[in-house]
Amino acid sequence: MPNYDYQCEKCGEVFEVFQSMKDEKLTDCPKEGCDGRVKRLLGTGAGLIFKGEGFYETDYRSDSYKAGEKKASEAGKVKKEGGEKKGESQPKKSSEPSS
């Protein structure tokens, strides 16, 4: 069950109520001596964090998307392997004129 924030339109009192999603919204200010109406404030949400596999973004991609990603990752590997080998150095060109 979520917490809901309410604010009284008359006295400005802000309060939080723990209630079911099925419950009716509050209408009257609970502050003693205040007969103002309250409105429910918009909350920031629960801040869910999904970790690991098994979520829509990664599991239900189209076959064409998966094929494109595979080609892109293979192309990246080829570029890295196709460069100079470690330990080998290219001869440096001299900028001095030869005699």
Protein backbone atom coordinates (compact mmCIF):
# COMPACT_ATOMS: atom_id res chain seq x y z
CA MET A 1 0.00 0.00 0.00
CA PRO A 2 1.42 3.39 -0.99
CA ASN A 3 1.76 6.62 0.91
CA TYR A 4 -0.12 9.60 -0.48
CA ASP A 5 0.66 13.26 0.18
CA TYR A 6 -2.21 15.68 0.69
CA GLN A 7 -2.33 19.45 1.16
CA CYS A 8 -5.10 21.49 2.73
CA GLU A 9 -6.27 24.31 0.47
CA LYS A 10 -7.27 26.45 3.47
CA CYS A 11 -4.45 26.16 6.04
CA GLY A 12 -1.69 24.82 3.74
CA GLU A 13 -0.98 21.80 5.99
CA VAL A 14 0.84 19.02 4.12
CA PHE A 15 0.45 15.49 5.45
CA GLU A 16 1.03 11.93 4.36
CA VAL A 17 -1.52 9.10 4.52
CA PHE A 18 -0.82 5.37 4.16
CA GLN A 19 -3.81 3.99 2.29
CA SER A 20 -4.79 1.39 -0.26
CA MET A 21 -4.99 2.30 -3.94
CA LYS A 22 -8.65 1.27 -3.81
CA ASP A 23 -9.50 3.71 -0.99
CA GLU A 24 -11.32 6.95 -1.81
CA LYS A 25 -9.31 10.17 -1.78
CA LEU A 26 -9.49 12.22 1.40
CA THR A 27 -11.57 15.39 1.18
CA ASP A 28 -11.40 17.03 4.63
CA CYS A 29 -8.39 18.41 6.50
CA PRO A 30 -7.57 16.30 9.59
CA LYS A 31 -6.14 19.31 11.46
CA GLU A 32 -8.29 20.20 14.44
CA GLY A 33 -10.27 23.40 13.93
CA CYS A 34 -9.71 23.49 10.15
CA ASP A 35 -12.62 22.71 7.88
CA GLY A 36 -10.68 23.06 4.62
CA ARG A 37 -10.69 20.73 1.69
CA VAL A 38 -7.59 18.73 0.80
CA LYS A 39 -6.12 17.76 -2.55
CA ARG A 40 -3.83 14.84 -3.29
CA LEU A 41 -0.37 15.90 -4.42
CA LEU A 42 1.56 14.22 -7.19
CA GLY A 43 4.33 12.03 -5.83
CA THR A 44 7.72 11.19 -7.29
CA GLY A 45 7.01 7.46 -7.41
CA ALA A 46 8.70 4.50 -5.86
CA GLY A 47 12.00 4.64 -7.77
CA LEU A 48 12.09 1.02 -8.91
CA ILE A 49 15.41 -0.41 -9.98
CA PHE A 50 15.45 -3.48 -12.20
CA LYS A 51 18.68 -5.44 -12.16
CA GLY A 52 19.67 -8.50 -14.10
CA GLU A 53 18.18 -10.22 -17.11
CA GLY A 54 14.54 -10.87 -17.80
CA PHE A 55 13.23 -7.41 -18.60
CA TYR A 56 11.50 -6.17 -21.72
CA GLU A 57 14.21 -3.86 -23.03
CA THR A 58 16.74 -6.63 -23.42
CA ASP A 59 14.61 -9.74 -23.89
CA TYR A 60 12.01 -8.81 -26.46
CA ARG A 61 14.10 -7.05 -29.07
CA SER A 62 13.28 -7.74 -32.71
CA ASP A 63 15.42 -10.19 -34.66
CA SER A 64 16.62 -7.41 -36.97
CA TYR A 65 17.81 -5.37 -33.96
CA LYS A 66 19.66 -8.36 -32.52
CA ALA A 67 21.31 -9.05 -35.91
CA GLY A 68 22.44 -5.41 -36.19
CA GLU A 69 23.90 -5.45 -32.68
CA LYS A 70 25.76 -8.69 -33.43
CA LYS A 71 27.27 -7.20 -36.61
CA ALA A 72 28.27 -4.04 -34.76
CA SER A 73 29.97 -5.96 -31.96
CA GLU A 74 31.79 -8.21 -34.43
CA ALA A 75 32.94 -5.17 -36.42
CA GLY A 76 34.33 -3.64 -33.23
CA LYS A 77 36.31 -6.79 -32.48
CA VAL A 78 37.75 -6.89 -36.00
CA LYS A 79 38.91 -3.26 -35.75
CA LYS A 80 40.66 -3.93 -32.44
CA GLU A 81 42.36 -7.10 -33.71
CA GLY A 82 43.25 -5.62 -37.11
CA GLY A 83 45.49 -2.88 -35.67
CA GLU A 84 49.18 -3.14 -34.83
CA LYS A 85 50.26 -6.15 -32.85
CA LYS A 86 51.69 -5.52 -29.44
CA GLY A 87 55.48 -5.36 -29.29
CA GLU A 88 55.91 -4.47 -32.96
CA SER A 89 56.74 -0.92 -33.84
CA GLN A 90 56.66 0.81 -37.16
CA PRO A 91 59.91 2.39 -38.39
CA LYS A 92 59.87 6.13 -37.85
CA LYS A 93 60.26 8.35 -40.87
CA SER A 94 62.92 10.94 -40.56
CA SER A 95 62.10 14.49 -41.51
CA GLU A 96 65.78 15.24 -42.17
CA PRO A 97 66.91 15.17 -45.82
CA SER A 98 69.16 12.26 -46.67
CA SER A 99 72.65 12.98 -48.08
